[in-house]
Every structure is written in C-alpha cells, then in structure tokens.
Amino acid sequence: DGSYVLRTPLPQPSQQYADKRPALRRAIANLDRVLVIARHSTTGLPQFVTARQIMSDATVAFTTDSDSYLALLSSSMHFVWWTTKGESTLGIGLRYTPSDGFETFPQPRLTRRMDRAGQELDALRRDVMKRRKIGLTILYNIVQEEANCDERIVHLRELHREIDEAAREAYAFD
C-alpha cells in the first residue's frame, strides 16, 4: 500500500547541545551509545558515540542505538535523499539538515539483514579507524581511492554495497 511501518519508534534528531535538551537526555538515558551525524560533513555518514557525552550543536543526535538505523542512514539512498532534498551548503561543504534530510526521508521496515550489516559496519569501521588512528572523514577519503586494495578497505566497500542491497530490499525495490 506504499506505507512505511517502523518496528521501533522513529529516532528523533537533536538540534541543540544535549545538556540543554532534557527530553534528549531522558530518551537516551538507558542507551550506552547513540547514533550521530556531523551537521557539516563531506561524508554525511552516521556513527555511534557514547550516549554520556555532551553533544555539540554541530552534531545531529538520533535517539537510537539501532544497528539497522546505522545501515539505513549509511545507505546511498539516504545520502542521495539528504543531498537533494535536505541538503544546504555552507561555504563549499555540505550541511545536514535533519528537518529536511531525515524527517522527510521515507522510512522502510527495518530488517535483520540491515541489522547485521549495521553491526558489521560499526565493528569494521571502529577497528580500521583505531588501527590507523584516523577519523571517519579520513577513512572515507581512503575508501574513495579506487587504487587502494587493502583487504579491509575493499571489505568496507563491499559492505556498503550490501547495505544498499539490504535497504533496497527493505523498501521492496527491485
């Protein structure tokens, strides 16, 4: 029927410092980690951070620790959506606007396949970033280097293809 049903409540983005957001603090009180996206980013990719830290206003925080949401918001469908529907520019970079980039993003039914892909993405990225002592932006600059044949970087590229396939399946796209 074209509707999108969530099994879990829709995570709500935070647009201010978390210490000034008692509703956000209550929503994440029982979470060890929370999904965030940097408001100003070249990648626009989410990652998990500890729920106990104070979030900068330059961080969009989602009240979820769901690996499925990590996969969904890491999919190329979400990237295309927010860069065409919800993106604004700041200078030469991209700016993630949750009111357009997330709240208008059609939500599929989250699947086990997305959950597994999100778990693997989180573990792989954390390991690579820790071993190389780099952050998310530098990691994805390396991923974009087609000549880089490092086994873990190639696996990360393959994992993003799996995430896209899992998202297409969740939306029931052929």
Protein backbone atom coordinates (compact mmCIF):
# COMPACT_ATOMS: atom_id res chain seq x y z
CA ASP A 1 0.00 0.00 0.00
CA GLY A 2 3.04 2.29 -0.12
CA SER A 3 3.15 2.93 3.63
CA TYR A 4 6.29 2.54 5.70
CA VAL A 5 5.97 0.85 9.07
CA LEU A 6 8.59 1.06 11.79
CA ARG A 7 9.04 -1.68 14.34
CA THR A 8 10.66 0.79 16.71
CA PRO A 9 9.78 4.43 17.37
CA LEU A 10 11.28 6.86 14.92
CA PRO A 11 14.52 8.25 16.35
CA GLN A 12 14.27 11.99 16.76
CA PRO A 13 17.22 14.22 15.89
CA SER A 14 18.52 16.72 18.40
CA GLN A 15 19.35 20.19 17.17
CA GLN A 16 20.89 21.74 20.31
CA TYR A 17 23.50 20.90 22.90
CA ALA A 18 22.37 17.76 24.70
CA ASP A 19 22.87 19.31 28.15
CA LYS A 20 20.16 21.85 27.23
CA ARG A 21 17.84 19.14 25.96
CA PRO A 22 16.26 17.32 28.91
CA ALA A 23 13.97 15.36 26.55
CA LEU A 24 17.01 14.07 24.67
CA ARG A 25 18.74 13.16 27.93
CA ARG A 26 15.67 11.21 29.06
CA ALA A 27 15.36 9.48 25.66
CA ILE A 28 18.97 8.25 25.72
CA ALA A 29 19.24 7.62 29.47
CA ASN A 30 19.13 3.83 29.02
CA LEU A 31 21.37 3.76 25.95
CA ASP A 32 25.11 3.14 26.02
CA ARG A 33 25.56 4.63 22.58
CA VAL A 34 23.68 6.99 20.29
CA LEU A 35 23.75 7.49 16.54
CA VAL A 36 25.07 10.86 15.33
CA ILE A 37 25.79 12.66 12.08
CA ALA A 38 28.06 15.67 11.88
CA ARG A 39 25.98 18.63 10.71
CA HIS A 40 28.86 19.82 8.47
CA SER A 41 30.48 16.91 6.68
CA THR A 42 31.82 15.73 3.37
CA THR A 43 30.57 12.18 4.00
CA GLY A 44 27.28 12.71 5.83
CA LEU A 45 27.68 9.29 7.40
CA PRO A 46 26.41 8.36 10.84
CA GLN A 47 28.41 6.74 13.57
CA PHE A 48 27.85 5.66 17.13
CA VAL A 49 29.23 7.66 20.05
CA THR A 50 28.81 7.24 23.77
CA ALA A 51 25.44 8.47 24.98
CA ARG A 52 27.07 10.03 28.04
CA GLN A 53 28.92 12.79 26.22
CA ILE A 54 27.65 16.29 25.69
CA MET A 55 26.75 16.73 22.04
CA SER A 56 27.85 19.81 20.16
CA ASP A 57 25.25 21.79 18.24
CA ALA A 58 27.28 20.77 15.17
CA THR A 59 26.15 17.18 15.80
CA VAL A 60 22.75 15.76 14.91
CA ALA A 61 21.96 13.09 17.51
CA PHE A 62 19.34 10.40 16.97
CA THR A 63 17.69 8.73 19.95
CA THR A 64 18.58 5.22 18.87
CA ASP A 65 21.30 2.63 19.27
CA SER A 66 19.89 0.51 16.41
CA ASP A 67 22.36 -1.10 14.04
CA SER A 68 19.57 -1.15 11.45
CA TYR A 69 19.41 2.65 11.56
CA LEU A 70 23.17 2.83 11.17
CA ALA A 71 22.78 0.80 7.98
CA LEU A 72 19.78 2.79 6.72
CA LEU A 73 21.43 6.17 7.29
CA SER A 74 24.65 4.84 5.73
CA SER A 75 22.86 3.76 2.56
CA SER A 76 23.29 5.59 -0.71
CA MET A 77 19.51 6.14 -0.73
CA HIS A 78 19.76 8.27 2.40
CA PHE A 79 22.80 10.11 1.03
CA VAL A 80 21.01 10.92 -2.23
CA TRP A 81 17.89 11.96 -0.29
CA TRP A 82 19.59 14.36 2.08
CA THR A 83 21.90 15.85 -0.55
CA THR A 84 18.97 16.57 -2.88
CA LYS A 85 16.04 17.12 -0.51
CA GLY A 86 17.53 18.22 2.76
CA GLU A 87 20.97 19.49 1.98
CA SER A 88 22.08 23.02 2.31
CA THR A 89 25.54 24.34 1.71
CA LEU A 90 27.82 26.22 4.00
CA GLY A 91 30.69 27.63 2.04
CA ILE A 92 31.94 24.77 -0.12
CA GLY A 93 30.80 21.93 2.15
CA LEU A 94 27.54 20.12 2.73
CA ARG A 95 25.28 20.75 5.72
CA TYR A 96 22.97 18.03 7.06
CA THR A 97 19.58 19.48 7.97
CA PRO A 98 17.53 16.95 9.96
CA SER A 99 14.18 18.61 9.31
CA ASP A 100 14.56 18.01 5.57
CA GLY A 101 17.26 15.33 5.36
CA PHE A 102 15.80 12.94 7.92
CA GLU A 103 12.25 13.83 8.88
CA THR A 104 11.10 13.74 5.24
CA PHE A 105 13.12 10.59 4.45
CA PRO A 106 10.69 7.69 3.85
CA GLN A 107 11.26 5.02 6.49
CA PRO A 108 11.16 1.36 5.45
CA ARG A 109 10.51 -1.58 7.73
CA LEU A 110 13.87 -2.31 9.33
CA THR A 111 15.14 -5.83 8.66
CA ARG A 112 17.50 -8.37 10.20
CA ARG A 113 19.69 -8.05 7.13
CA MET A 114 20.05 -4.31 7.79
CA ASP A 115 20.77 -5.03 11.46
CA ARG A 116 23.55 -7.49 10.59
CA ALA A 117 25.05 -5.10 8.02
CA GLY A 118 24.95 -2.23 10.52
CA GLN A 119 26.67 -4.36 13.19
CA GLU A 120 29.38 -5.36 10.77
CA LEU A 121 29.82 -1.78 9.53
CA ASP A 122 30.22 -0.42 13.05
CA ALA A 123 32.74 -3.11 14.06
CA LEU A 124 34.80 -2.86 10.86
CA ARG A 125 34.98 0.93 10.82
CA ARG A 126 35.89 1.13 14.51
CA ASP A 127 38.65 -1.42 14.04
CA VAL A 128 40.13 0.26 10.95
CA MET A 129 39.96 3.74 12.49
CA LYS A 130 41.53 2.52 15.73
CA ARG A 131 44.35 0.65 13.99
CA ARG A 132 45.13 3.55 11.67
CA LYS A 133 44.41 6.23 14.29
CA ILE A 134 42.13 8.13 11.91
CA GLY A 135 38.61 9.52 11.95
CA LEU A 136 35.59 8.90 9.76
CA THR A 137 36.39 11.54 7.12
CA ILE A 138 39.93 10.31 6.54
CA LEU A 139 38.68 6.71 6.45
CA TYR A 140 36.19 7.51 3.70
CA ASN A 141 38.78 9.52 1.77
CA ILE A 142 40.78 6.27 1.72
CA VAL A 143 37.71 4.24 0.74
CA GLN A 144 37.20 6.57 -2.24
CA GLU A 145 40.74 5.85 -3.52
CA GLU A 146 39.94 3.21 -6.13
CA ALA A 147 43.58 2.12 -6.32
CA ASN A 148 43.59 1.21 -2.62
CA CYS A 149 43.36 -2.59 -2.48
CA ASP A 150 43.85 -3.02 1.27
CA GLU A 151 41.75 -6.02 2.27
CA ARG A 152 39.81 -4.16 4.97
CA ILE A 153 39.12 -1.15 2.72
CA VAL A 154 37.87 -3.46 -0.04
CA HIS A 155 35.67 -5.21 2.55
CA LEU A 156 34.28 -1.84 3.64
CA ARG A 157 33.34 -1.02 0.04
CA GLU A 158 31.64 -4.43 -0.29
CA LEU A 159 29.82 -3.85 2.97
CA HIS A 160 28.39 -0.58 1.67
CA ARG A 161 27.11 -2.45 -1.39
CA GLU A 162 25.47 -4.95 0.98
CA ILE A 163 23.91 -2.08 2.94
CA ASP A 164 22.47 -0.65 -0.27
CA GLU A 165 21.06 -4.05 -1.25
CA ALA A 166 19.56 -4.54 2.22
CA ALA A 167 17.98 -1.07 2.07
CA ARG A 168 16.56 -1.72 -1.42
CA GLU A 169 15.12 -4.98 -0.11
CA ALA A 170 13.59 -3.20 2.90
CA TYR A 171 11.92 -0.70 0.59
CA ALA A 172 10.83 -3.60 -1.66
CA PHE A 173 12.64 -2.07 -4.65
CA ASP A 174 13.61 -4.46 -7.42
